[in-house]
Amino acid sequence: MTLFTVQTTGRAVLRRPYFPSHRKQINFTSKRHNSNNSTPVPHSNPSPESSANGTAIPIPATIATVPIWQRLGPLTRSFQAYGRSQRKRPYTTQFCSSLVIYFLGDLSAQSICGDDYDWKRTLRALFISMGSSIPSYKWFMFLSNNFNYSSKAISLATKVGVNQMFFTPIFNTYFFGMQSLLSGDSLPDVVERVKRTVPTSMMNSIKLWPAVTAISFAWIPQEHRSIFAGVIAIGWQTYLSFLNRRVEGEMAGGIENTQKEAVKGPTSKLSTDVAIKTDSTKEAQEQKAEA
């Protein structure tokens, strides 16, 4: 019995102690204290899935969807090149873009009217674009940097309202006034041209530009806003040129009618006087013959 007890005790002492395997070993991280902050950094507990198997479950990689306008090949590269130019040389880019927009707008308007191509009219449009390109760019940069409230809807509504209230009437007055002035009209004719065109153009601009302005400030990056508005502006410049040409023709027709009436007035009066004198002479001759 004593021998059995000694053998059992020896086996217990010489037996290799049990250590958990690497997979089942639980790692304990000591609490670390920051020298500046005495709050200990807790160790994140393993998820139930990883603790059950002893291995971490891989998280699937998520790739952000590329916008469709960045997957258009050469067109996308053109937009990117324009954006880089807009960031590096904003004034030069805006000036050249305005020339292209006004040229295409006037060319389209002349093709719609069906008249022969008037290169002087195109030069007038290009001259007007030179004077409006940089102020227009500065104005929309002012809108972009101001009226930014916590509510995005209020910000967009304010920017659209301010743009329609101030920029639209000033720009339309400048456009039609310069068209008339460069055509050689007198100051009263310039004022008359503005009176006939600006109210109509402002009413029609409400149908288009508030939506364009809201979309531009809501979703279009700042370096691409000018090209987005420029594509719309080609159609708008076509309309403005067409409206200016129509009113110009109406005013020219009214002046011609006035001149005809002015010439016709004295002539008709003279003819009437001659006819009256002729009738009086005939009556006098008849009375002498009867006597």
Foldseek 3Di string as FASTA:
>chain_A
DVVVVVVVVVCVVPPDDDDDDPLLDDDDDDWDADPVGRDTDDDDDDDPVCNVRSHDDDDDDDDDDDDPLCVPPPSNVVLVVLLVCCVPPVQVSQLVLLLVLQLLLLVLLCVVVVDPDDVLLNVLSNVLSNVVRVVVVVVVVVLLVDQDDPDLVSSLVVSLVVCLVPVLLVSLLSSLLSSCVSVPDDPVVSVVSSVVQSVVLSVVVVVPPSVLSSCLSPPNDPSCSSVSVSVVSSNVSNVSSNSSVVVVVVVVVVVVVVVVCVVVVVVVVVVVVVVVVVVVVVVVVVVVVVD
